[in-house]
Structure formats: structure tokens, C-alpha cells
N, C-alpha and C. Protein backbone atom coordinates (compact mmCIF):
# COMPACT_ATOMS: atom_id res chain seq x y z
N MET A 1 -35.13 -37.87 -17.97
CA MET A 1 -33.74 -37.90 -18.08
C MET A 1 -33.39 -37.68 -19.53
N ASN A 2 -34.29 -37.85 -20.52
CA ASN A 2 -33.79 -37.68 -22.00
C ASN A 2 -33.59 -36.24 -22.13
N ASN A 3 -34.33 -35.50 -21.43
CA ASN A 3 -33.83 -33.68 -21.70
C ASN A 3 -32.53 -33.70 -20.92
N GLU A 4 -32.20 -34.28 -20.06
CA GLU A 4 -30.80 -33.96 -19.50
C GLU A 4 -29.74 -34.27 -20.26
N SER A 5 -29.62 -35.43 -20.95
CA SER A 5 -28.80 -35.84 -21.89
C SER A 5 -28.61 -35.03 -23.07
N GLN A 6 -29.59 -34.21 -23.38
CA GLN A 6 -29.49 -33.36 -24.47
C GLN A 6 -28.69 -31.82 -24.09
N ARG A 7 -28.41 -31.71 -22.81
CA ARG A 7 -27.66 -30.44 -22.42
C ARG A 7 -26.19 -30.52 -22.89
N THR A 8 -25.73 -29.37 -23.46
CA THR A 8 -24.40 -29.53 -23.78
C THR A 8 -23.36 -29.40 -22.74
N LEU A 9 -22.06 -29.62 -22.80
CA LEU A 9 -21.30 -29.70 -21.69
C LEU A 9 -21.19 -28.17 -21.08
N GLU A 10 -21.33 -27.55 -21.93
CA GLU A 10 -21.28 -25.93 -21.55
C GLU A 10 -22.57 -25.49 -20.64
N GLN A 11 -23.63 -25.88 -21.12
CA GLN A 11 -24.89 -25.87 -20.19
C GLN A 11 -24.87 -26.43 -19.01
N VAL A 12 -24.15 -27.51 -18.87
CA VAL A 12 -23.94 -28.48 -17.64
C VAL A 12 -23.01 -27.56 -16.77
N TYR A 13 -21.95 -26.87 -17.41
CA TYR A 13 -21.02 -26.40 -16.66
C TYR A 13 -21.74 -25.08 -15.96
N ARG A 14 -22.21 -24.42 -16.60
CA ARG A 14 -22.75 -22.95 -16.27
C ARG A 14 -23.87 -23.11 -15.11
N SER A 15 -24.68 -24.39 -15.45
CA SER A 15 -25.50 -24.71 -14.05
C SER A 15 -24.83 -25.13 -12.90
N ALA A 16 -23.84 -25.95 -12.95
CA ALA A 16 -22.96 -26.23 -11.80
C ALA A 16 -22.44 -25.20 -11.22
N VAL A 17 -21.81 -24.20 -11.97
CA VAL A 17 -21.13 -22.87 -11.48
C VAL A 17 -22.28 -22.09 -10.66
N SER A 18 -23.42 -21.81 -11.44
CA SER A 18 -24.27 -20.95 -10.81
C SER A 18 -24.89 -21.58 -9.58
N GLY A 19 -24.95 -22.87 -9.48
CA GLY A 19 -25.48 -23.53 -8.32
C GLY A 19 -24.56 -23.48 -7.15
N LEU A 20 -23.07 -23.67 -7.61
CA LEU A 20 -22.24 -23.47 -6.66
C LEU A 20 -21.97 -22.13 -5.94
N TYR A 21 -22.15 -21.13 -6.68
CA TYR A 21 -22.20 -19.79 -6.47
C TYR A 21 -23.42 -19.36 -5.37
N SER A 22 -24.48 -19.88 -5.76
CA SER A 22 -25.61 -19.76 -4.84
C SER A 22 -25.47 -20.19 -3.65
N ARG A 23 -25.03 -21.49 -3.74
CA ARG A 23 -24.76 -22.21 -2.45
C ARG A 23 -23.49 -21.39 -1.51
N LEU A 24 -22.66 -21.00 -2.08
CA LEU A 24 -21.52 -20.15 -1.51
C LEU A 24 -22.20 -18.94 -0.75
N ARG A 25 -22.84 -18.12 -1.49
CA ARG A 25 -23.30 -17.22 -1.00
C ARG A 25 -24.46 -17.30 0.16
N SER A 26 -25.30 -18.34 -0.08
CA SER A 26 -25.99 -18.68 1.17
C SER A 26 -25.18 -19.08 2.22
N ASN A 27 -24.12 -19.80 2.14
CA ASN A 27 -23.16 -20.04 3.35
C ASN A 27 -22.75 -18.96 3.97
N TYR A 28 -22.34 -17.85 3.09
CA TYR A 28 -21.85 -16.64 3.60
C TYR A 28 -22.82 -15.85 4.43
N GLU A 29 -24.08 -15.86 3.80
CA GLU A 29 -25.30 -14.98 4.41
C GLU A 29 -25.67 -15.83 5.67
N PHE A 30 -25.46 -17.05 5.83
CA PHE A 30 -25.71 -17.56 6.98
C PHE A 30 -24.64 -17.28 8.00
N LEU A 31 -23.41 -17.24 7.66
CA LEU A 31 -22.50 -16.99 8.60
C LEU A 31 -22.65 -15.63 9.09
N HIS A 32 -22.84 -14.74 8.52
CA HIS A 32 -23.10 -13.24 8.58
C HIS A 32 -24.31 -13.06 9.44
N ARG A 33 -25.47 -13.65 9.23
CA ARG A 33 -26.54 -13.65 10.05
C ARG A 33 -26.43 -14.12 11.76
N ARG A 34 -25.88 -15.19 11.51
CA ARG A 34 -25.53 -15.98 12.73
C ARG A 34 -24.45 -15.36 13.68
N PHE A 35 -23.40 -14.81 13.12
CA PHE A 35 -22.23 -14.31 13.84
C PHE A 35 -21.90 -12.77 13.41
N GLY A 36 -22.65 -12.12 12.62
CA GLY A 36 -22.42 -10.80 12.41
C GLY A 36 -20.96 -10.60 11.95
N ASP A 37 -20.39 -9.49 12.56
CA ASP A 37 -18.94 -9.02 12.02
C ASP A 37 -18.00 -10.27 12.18
N ASP A 38 -18.22 -11.08 13.19
CA ASP A 38 -17.38 -12.29 13.43
C ASP A 38 -17.59 -13.17 12.33
N GLY A 39 -18.56 -13.40 11.74
CA GLY A 39 -19.05 -14.23 10.59
C GLY A 39 -18.27 -13.55 9.30
N LEU A 40 -18.19 -12.31 9.21
CA LEU A 40 -17.29 -11.93 8.02
C LEU A 40 -15.79 -12.08 8.17
N LYS A 41 -15.51 -12.23 9.65
CA LYS A 41 -14.18 -12.45 9.82
C LYS A 41 -13.70 -13.97 9.48
N LEU A 42 -14.69 -14.89 9.67
CA LEU A 42 -14.49 -16.32 9.37
C LEU A 42 -14.59 -16.43 7.79
N ILE A 43 -15.41 -15.68 6.89
CA ILE A 43 -15.26 -15.93 5.55
C ILE A 43 -14.16 -15.44 5.12
N ALA A 44 -13.47 -14.31 5.67
CA ALA A 44 -12.08 -13.61 5.18
C ALA A 44 -11.23 -14.69 5.48
N GLU A 45 -11.21 -15.26 6.77
CA GLU A 45 -10.07 -16.40 7.02
C GLU A 45 -10.30 -17.47 5.99
N MET A 46 -11.35 -18.15 5.91
CA MET A 46 -11.57 -19.19 4.72
C MET A 46 -11.04 -18.76 3.53
N SER A 47 -11.40 -17.60 3.07
CA SER A 47 -11.19 -17.29 1.74
C SER A 47 -9.51 -17.11 1.60
N HIS A 48 -8.81 -16.49 2.61
CA HIS A 48 -7.65 -16.38 2.56
C HIS A 48 -6.77 -17.51 2.57
N GLU A 49 -7.16 -18.40 3.45
CA GLU A 49 -6.64 -19.89 3.49
C GLU A 49 -6.67 -20.62 2.16
N TYR A 50 -7.85 -20.60 1.54
CA TYR A 50 -7.90 -20.91 0.24
C TYR A 50 -7.03 -20.24 -0.97
N GLY A 51 -6.97 -19.12 -0.77
CA GLY A 51 -6.06 -18.26 -1.67
C GLY A 51 -4.64 -18.71 -1.70
N ILE A 52 -4.05 -19.03 -0.38
CA ILE A 52 -3.02 -19.47 -0.26
C ILE A 52 -2.73 -20.93 -0.96
N THR A 53 -3.69 -21.91 -0.82
CA THR A 53 -3.56 -23.15 -1.56
C THR A 53 -3.54 -22.94 -3.01
N VAL A 54 -4.41 -22.07 -3.48
CA VAL A 54 -4.46 -21.68 -5.05
C VAL A 54 -3.03 -21.30 -5.41
N ALA A 55 -2.56 -20.36 -4.76
CA ALA A 55 -1.17 -19.66 -5.10
C ALA A 55 -0.09 -20.69 -5.01
N GLN A 56 -0.03 -21.67 -4.21
CA GLN A 56 0.89 -22.67 -4.04
C GLN A 56 0.82 -23.66 -5.34
N ARG A 57 -0.51 -23.92 -5.71
CA ARG A 57 -0.47 -24.63 -6.79
C ARG A 57 0.03 -23.82 -8.20
N ALA A 58 -0.27 -22.87 -8.24
CA ALA A 58 0.03 -21.88 -9.26
C ALA A 58 1.50 -21.56 -9.42
N LYS A 59 2.15 -21.40 -8.34
CA LYS A 59 3.66 -21.34 -8.45
C LYS A 59 4.34 -22.32 -9.33
N ALA A 60 3.96 -23.61 -9.33
CA ALA A 60 4.58 -24.31 -10.35
C ALA A 60 4.27 -24.22 -11.68
N ARG A 61 3.05 -23.52 -12.05
CA ARG A 61 2.69 -23.53 -13.47
C ARG A 61 3.23 -22.01 -14.10
N LEU A 62 3.29 -21.05 -13.00
CA LEU A 62 3.59 -19.76 -13.63
C LEU A 62 5.17 -19.53 -14.04
N GLU A 63 5.47 -19.08 -15.01
CA GLU A 63 6.82 -18.98 -15.49
C GLU A 63 7.46 -17.80 -14.79
N SER A 64 6.75 -16.86 -14.53
CA SER A 64 7.31 -15.63 -13.60
C SER A 64 6.42 -15.16 -12.72
N ASN A 65 6.65 -14.41 -11.77
CA ASN A 65 5.68 -13.94 -10.82
C ASN A 65 5.84 -12.19 -10.66
N ASP A 66 6.19 -11.81 -11.94
CA ASP A 66 6.33 -10.44 -11.96
C ASP A 66 4.74 -9.77 -11.85
N LEU A 67 4.57 -8.63 -11.92
CA LEU A 67 3.32 -7.87 -11.69
C LEU A 67 2.30 -8.48 -12.79
N HIS A 68 2.71 -8.36 -14.20
CA HIS A 68 1.96 -8.86 -15.30
C HIS A 68 1.53 -10.02 -15.28
N SER A 69 2.26 -11.22 -14.91
CA SER A 69 2.01 -12.50 -14.77
C SER A 69 1.00 -12.86 -13.65
N VAL A 70 1.09 -12.08 -12.45
CA VAL A 70 0.40 -12.46 -11.55
C VAL A 70 -1.01 -11.92 -11.82
N ALA A 71 -0.95 -10.56 -12.54
CA ALA A 71 -2.38 -10.10 -12.84
C ALA A 71 -2.94 -10.90 -13.83
N GLN A 72 -2.37 -11.41 -14.82
CA GLN A 72 -2.90 -12.51 -15.92
C GLN A 72 -3.46 -13.67 -15.25
N TYR A 73 -2.73 -14.26 -14.03
CA TYR A 73 -3.09 -15.48 -13.62
C TYR A 73 -4.55 -15.05 -13.13
N LEU A 74 -4.66 -13.94 -12.36
CA LEU A 74 -5.81 -13.60 -11.57
C LEU A 74 -7.10 -13.40 -12.40
N LEU A 75 -6.60 -12.85 -13.79
CA LEU A 75 -7.59 -12.72 -14.60
C LEU A 75 -7.84 -14.06 -15.54
N ARG A 76 -7.20 -14.98 -15.30
CA ARG A 76 -7.45 -16.29 -15.84
C ARG A 76 -8.38 -16.72 -14.86
N ILE A 77 -8.36 -16.72 -13.57
CA ILE A 77 -9.19 -17.25 -12.65
C ILE A 77 -10.50 -16.59 -12.69
N PHE A 78 -10.65 -15.38 -12.92
CA PHE A 78 -12.03 -14.55 -13.20
C PHE A 78 -12.74 -15.25 -14.50
N ASP A 79 -11.76 -15.13 -15.36
CA ASP A 79 -12.46 -15.81 -16.66
C ASP A 79 -13.03 -17.18 -16.65
N THR A 80 -12.26 -18.08 -15.83
CA THR A 80 -12.65 -19.30 -15.56
C THR A 80 -14.05 -19.67 -14.89
N VAL A 81 -14.10 -18.72 -13.78
CA VAL A 81 -15.29 -18.84 -12.95
C VAL A 81 -16.49 -18.20 -13.61
N ALA A 82 -15.98 -17.21 -14.53
CA ALA A 82 -17.20 -16.50 -15.18
C ALA A 82 -17.59 -17.15 -16.48
N ARG A 83 -17.02 -17.95 -16.89
CA ARG A 83 -17.22 -18.74 -18.28
C ARG A 83 -18.71 -18.77 -18.52
N GLY A 84 -19.16 -18.27 -19.54
CA GLY A 84 -20.87 -18.47 -19.81
C GLY A 84 -21.78 -17.48 -18.93
N ARG A 85 -21.10 -16.81 -18.04
CA ARG A 85 -22.15 -16.05 -17.32
C ARG A 85 -22.34 -14.61 -17.51
N GLY A 86 -21.54 -14.31 -18.79
CA GLY A 86 -22.02 -12.94 -18.97
C GLY A 86 -20.96 -11.82 -18.41
N LEU A 87 -19.86 -12.09 -17.54
CA LEU A 87 -18.86 -11.17 -17.21
C LEU A 87 -18.08 -10.86 -18.20
N ILE A 88 -17.66 -9.53 -18.29
CA ILE A 88 -16.64 -9.05 -19.28
C ILE A 88 -15.69 -8.63 -18.36
N SER A 89 -14.35 -9.10 -18.70
CA SER A 89 -13.19 -8.54 -18.03
C SER A 89 -12.27 -7.84 -18.91
N THR A 90 -11.78 -6.78 -18.38
CA THR A 90 -11.04 -5.71 -19.20
C THR A 90 -9.79 -5.72 -18.28
N ILE A 91 -8.54 -5.43 -19.05
CA ILE A 91 -7.31 -5.23 -18.14
C ILE A 91 -6.68 -3.78 -18.65
N GLN A 92 -6.38 -3.09 -17.64
CA GLN A 92 -5.50 -1.83 -17.97
C GLN A 92 -4.33 -1.88 -17.17
N ASP A 93 -3.27 -1.60 -17.80
CA ASP A 93 -1.90 -1.85 -17.07
C ASP A 93 -0.87 -0.91 -17.27
N ASP A 94 -0.18 -0.54 -16.41
CA ASP A 94 0.86 0.43 -16.52
C ASP A 94 2.12 -0.33 -15.63
N PRO A 95 3.36 0.38 -15.79
CA PRO A 95 4.42 -0.45 -15.24
C PRO A 95 4.23 -0.96 -13.57
N ASP A 96 3.40 0.04 -12.73
CA ASP A 96 3.22 -0.31 -11.28
C ASP A 96 2.06 -0.90 -10.92
N ARG A 97 0.93 -0.91 -11.74
CA ARG A 97 -0.26 -1.28 -11.45
C ARG A 97 -1.10 -1.98 -12.81
N VAL A 98 -1.92 -2.96 -12.46
CA VAL A 98 -3.00 -3.54 -13.16
C VAL A 98 -4.23 -3.40 -12.79
N ILE A 99 -5.23 -2.89 -13.38
CA ILE A 99 -6.54 -2.94 -12.89
C ILE A 99 -7.29 -3.92 -13.90
N ILE A 100 -7.96 -4.86 -13.24
CA ILE A 100 -8.74 -5.68 -14.02
C ILE A 100 -10.32 -5.31 -13.48
N THR A 101 -11.23 -4.87 -14.59
CA THR A 101 -12.40 -4.27 -14.45
C THR A 101 -13.25 -5.56 -14.84
N VAL A 102 -14.30 -5.75 -13.96
CA VAL A 102 -15.50 -6.81 -14.23
C VAL A 102 -16.64 -6.12 -14.11
N ASP A 103 -17.48 -6.28 -15.03
CA ASP A 103 -18.72 -5.63 -15.30
C ASP A 103 -20.19 -6.29 -14.30
N ARG A 104 -19.59 -7.35 -13.82
CA ARG A 104 -20.93 -8.18 -12.88
C ARG A 104 -20.16 -8.85 -11.82
N CYS A 105 -21.13 -8.92 -10.80
CA CYS A 105 -20.37 -9.63 -9.55
C CYS A 105 -21.19 -11.07 -9.57
N PRO A 106 -20.05 -12.04 -9.62
CA PRO A 106 -20.60 -13.53 -9.93
C PRO A 106 -21.43 -14.04 -8.89
N LEU A 107 -21.37 -13.38 -7.47
CA LEU A 107 -22.02 -13.75 -6.55
C LEU A 107 -23.04 -12.90 -6.14
N ASP A 108 -23.15 -12.02 -6.87
CA ASP A 108 -24.36 -11.09 -6.70
C ASP A 108 -24.65 -10.42 -5.36
N PHE A 109 -23.34 -9.97 -4.83
CA PHE A 109 -23.10 -9.40 -3.33
C PHE A 109 -23.79 -8.06 -3.27
N THR A 110 -24.49 -7.85 -2.29
CA THR A 110 -25.04 -6.36 -2.21
C THR A 110 -24.38 -5.78 -1.01
N MET A 111 -23.47 -6.46 -0.20
CA MET A 111 -22.82 -5.92 1.10
C MET A 111 -21.51 -5.64 0.47
N PRO A 112 -20.73 -4.50 0.50
CA PRO A 112 -19.28 -4.42 0.21
C PRO A 112 -18.31 -5.12 1.26
N GLU A 113 -18.98 -5.30 2.52
CA GLU A 113 -18.04 -5.99 3.61
C GLU A 113 -18.18 -7.54 3.13
N MET A 114 -19.07 -8.26 2.69
CA MET A 114 -19.06 -9.53 2.28
C MET A 114 -18.19 -9.52 1.00
N CYS A 115 -18.15 -8.51 -0.03
CA CYS A 115 -17.21 -8.64 -1.04
C CYS A 115 -15.86 -8.57 -0.46
N ALA A 116 -15.55 -7.84 0.38
CA ALA A 116 -14.23 -7.72 1.06
C ALA A 116 -13.75 -9.04 1.72
N ALA A 117 -14.74 -9.61 2.49
CA ALA A 117 -14.24 -10.67 3.12
C ALA A 117 -14.05 -11.94 2.00
N HIS A 118 -14.95 -11.95 0.88
CA HIS A 118 -14.73 -13.20 -0.03
C HIS A 118 -13.48 -13.01 -0.92
N THR A 119 -13.09 -11.63 -1.37
CA THR A 119 -11.99 -11.25 -2.10
C THR A 119 -10.59 -11.29 -1.50
N GLU A 120 -10.76 -11.80 0.03
CA GLU A 120 -9.32 -12.22 0.66
C GLU A 120 -8.79 -13.24 -0.05
N MET A 121 -9.39 -14.20 -1.09
CA MET A 121 -8.66 -14.99 -1.73
C MET A 121 -7.71 -14.58 -2.72
N GLU A 122 -8.26 -13.66 -3.49
CA GLU A 122 -7.54 -13.05 -4.61
C GLU A 122 -6.29 -12.30 -3.83
N LYS A 123 -6.46 -11.42 -2.83
CA LYS A 123 -5.54 -10.94 -2.19
C LYS A 123 -4.36 -11.76 -1.63
N ALA A 124 -4.93 -13.15 -1.01
CA ALA A 124 -3.84 -14.11 -0.74
C ALA A 124 -3.05 -14.50 -1.93
N VAL A 125 -3.72 -14.80 -3.09
CA VAL A 125 -3.27 -15.31 -4.23
C VAL A 125 -1.95 -14.43 -4.73
N VAL A 126 -2.42 -13.10 -4.88
CA VAL A 126 -1.59 -12.16 -5.31
C VAL A 126 -0.16 -12.31 -4.34
N GLU A 127 -0.51 -11.93 -3.09
CA GLU A 127 0.59 -11.49 -2.11
C GLU A 127 1.47 -12.65 -1.93
N GLU A 128 0.87 -14.04 -2.03
CA GLU A 128 1.53 -15.46 -1.85
C GLU A 128 2.54 -15.63 -3.23
N LEU A 129 1.79 -15.27 -4.27
CA LEU A 129 2.72 -15.40 -5.65
C LEU A 129 3.81 -14.33 -5.62
N ASN A 130 3.56 -13.12 -5.14
CA ASN A 130 4.74 -11.94 -5.14
C ASN A 130 4.56 -11.24 -4.14
N PRO A 131 5.51 -11.47 -2.77
CA PRO A 131 5.15 -10.44 -1.63
C PRO A 131 5.54 -9.07 -1.98
N GLY A 132 5.89 -8.55 -2.97
CA GLY A 132 6.03 -7.18 -3.62
C GLY A 132 4.93 -6.50 -4.12
N LEU A 133 3.93 -7.29 -4.21
CA LEU A 133 2.77 -6.85 -4.80
C LEU A 133 1.64 -6.74 -3.73
N THR A 134 0.52 -5.94 -3.80
CA THR A 134 -0.52 -6.13 -3.21
C THR A 134 -1.86 -6.01 -4.17
N TYR A 135 -2.79 -6.32 -3.40
CA TYR A 135 -4.22 -6.61 -4.12
C TYR A 135 -5.14 -5.72 -3.22
N ARG A 136 -5.99 -5.05 -4.23
CA ARG A 136 -7.19 -4.34 -3.38
C ARG A 136 -8.40 -4.05 -4.30
N ILE A 137 -9.52 -3.92 -3.91
CA ILE A 137 -10.81 -3.35 -4.89
C ILE A 137 -10.72 -1.92 -4.85
N GLY A 138 -10.99 -1.44 -6.12
CA GLY A 138 -11.12 -0.24 -6.38
C GLY A 138 -12.65 0.09 -6.16
N LYS A 139 -13.24 0.24 -7.52
CA LYS A 139 -14.74 0.47 -7.36
C LYS A 139 -15.49 -1.07 -7.24
N SER A 140 -16.60 -0.82 -6.61
CA SER A 140 -17.15 -2.11 -6.35
C SER A 140 -18.74 -1.96 -6.57
N ILE A 141 -19.22 -2.95 -7.38
CA ILE A 141 -20.50 -3.06 -7.53
C ILE A 141 -21.42 -2.97 -6.36
N PRO A 142 -21.06 -3.98 -5.28
CA PRO A 142 -21.92 -3.98 -4.09
C PRO A 142 -21.91 -2.51 -3.18
N ALA A 143 -20.80 -1.69 -3.54
CA ALA A 143 -20.79 -0.38 -3.13
C ALA A 143 -21.56 0.79 -3.96
N GLY A 144 -22.02 0.17 -5.13
CA GLY A 144 -23.09 1.06 -5.93
C GLY A 144 -22.22 1.51 -7.12
N HIS A 145 -21.22 1.07 -7.44
CA HIS A 145 -20.46 1.38 -8.86
C HIS A 145 -21.02 0.52 -9.83
N HIS A 146 -20.51 0.93 -11.09
CA HIS A 146 -21.12 0.22 -12.32
C HIS A 146 -20.17 -1.16 -12.51
N CYS A 147 -18.94 -1.14 -12.21
CA CYS A 147 -18.07 -2.48 -12.28
C CYS A 147 -17.33 -2.48 -10.98
N CYS A 148 -16.57 -3.56 -10.92
CA CYS A 148 -15.40 -3.79 -9.73
C CYS A 148 -14.06 -3.68 -10.45
N GLU A 149 -13.37 -2.91 -9.74
CA GLU A 149 -12.07 -3.08 -9.90
C GLU A 149 -11.02 -3.79 -9.12
N HIS A 150 -10.33 -4.75 -9.82
CA HIS A 150 -9.36 -5.53 -8.94
C HIS A 150 -8.12 -5.02 -9.35
N ILE A 151 -7.41 -4.39 -8.16
CA ILE A 151 -6.21 -3.66 -8.54
C ILE A 151 -5.13 -4.52 -8.01
N VAL A 152 -4.17 -4.88 -8.80
CA VAL A 152 -2.85 -5.47 -8.42
C VAL A 152 -1.91 -4.33 -8.63
N GLU A 153 -1.15 -4.27 -7.44
CA GLU A 153 0.00 -3.15 -7.75
C GLU A 153 1.12 -3.47 -6.92
N LYS A 154 2.31 -2.71 -7.48
CA LYS A 154 3.61 -2.91 -6.48
C LYS A 154 3.54 -2.39 -4.98
N LYS A 155 3.98 -2.77 -4.29
CA LYS A 155 3.88 -2.09 -3.02
C LYS A 155 4.89 -0.80 -3.01
N GLN A 156 4.30 0.07 -2.25
CA GLN A 156 5.04 1.38 -2.13
C GLN A 156 6.30 1.40 -1.17
């Protein structure tokens, strides 16, 4: 017990987030093994529903729901969950599109389909905050790229 009390708040946080991500990934893998493509659909539906609740809470805090404000909110989510985990997020923007680049998958996905199902949350957040925007994955670590690109852009 004495060793536990010597851990910093940051160490406790990192450990908790790591454990939660490990459990989440295990749950996803279980659903996929048990139900195949239907399991991926369940993951996508759960993620989408959760994203809507996140967006509803965010609406009260965001001063604006324009492209850059929504992308900054998404980056804040990434930075919060990645805290202390070595993820580096960068943002590139132009008037019609923002690309958030992340150098490591926090859930260590190996299947692009699992990533797509999981990131339904991000898609729901973006599109709920501003129906004139859309979210998509560009490059993807699970697909073999060196980074993930989370693209928020104005609908055409």
C-alpha cells in the first residue's frame, strides 16, 4: 500500500486510462469475435450514441460551432484521452477543412474496420455540433499508415 500512495496523480491517471482503453478494446474484440460484422455494427452504434451525448454536453460550452471551433473541440478530446500516453496531435487547417494528425493509436487497433466503428463517436460529435460539417478518417495506422488523420470538413 505504501508504494501506491507514492504515485503521482498523473501516474494514477495514465494507469486508469490505459486500463480503460485495454478493457474497451477487449470488449470490442469480444463483440467482433462473437458477432462478426454485426459486432462491428454494434460498436459503431454504441460509439455514435455516445458521441451524440458528448456533443449535447459540448453545445453548452462552445461559443461557436464553426469548422475551427468544432475541430478544436475534437482536438481537445484527443488531448484529454491521450494525456501522458505519448500521442502527438498536430492540426492543419484551411477555410474548408481541418486535418488533425495523431501519431499513435490510443487503442492500438490493428483492424481499420474496428477503427471506423470506434470513430463513429467522433463523427457523431462533429455532425451533431454542426450539421454542415462532416468527419472522416484519412490516413489510418491500422491500415498501415504512419499516422491517423481525422478530417473535419465542410459538406460539399
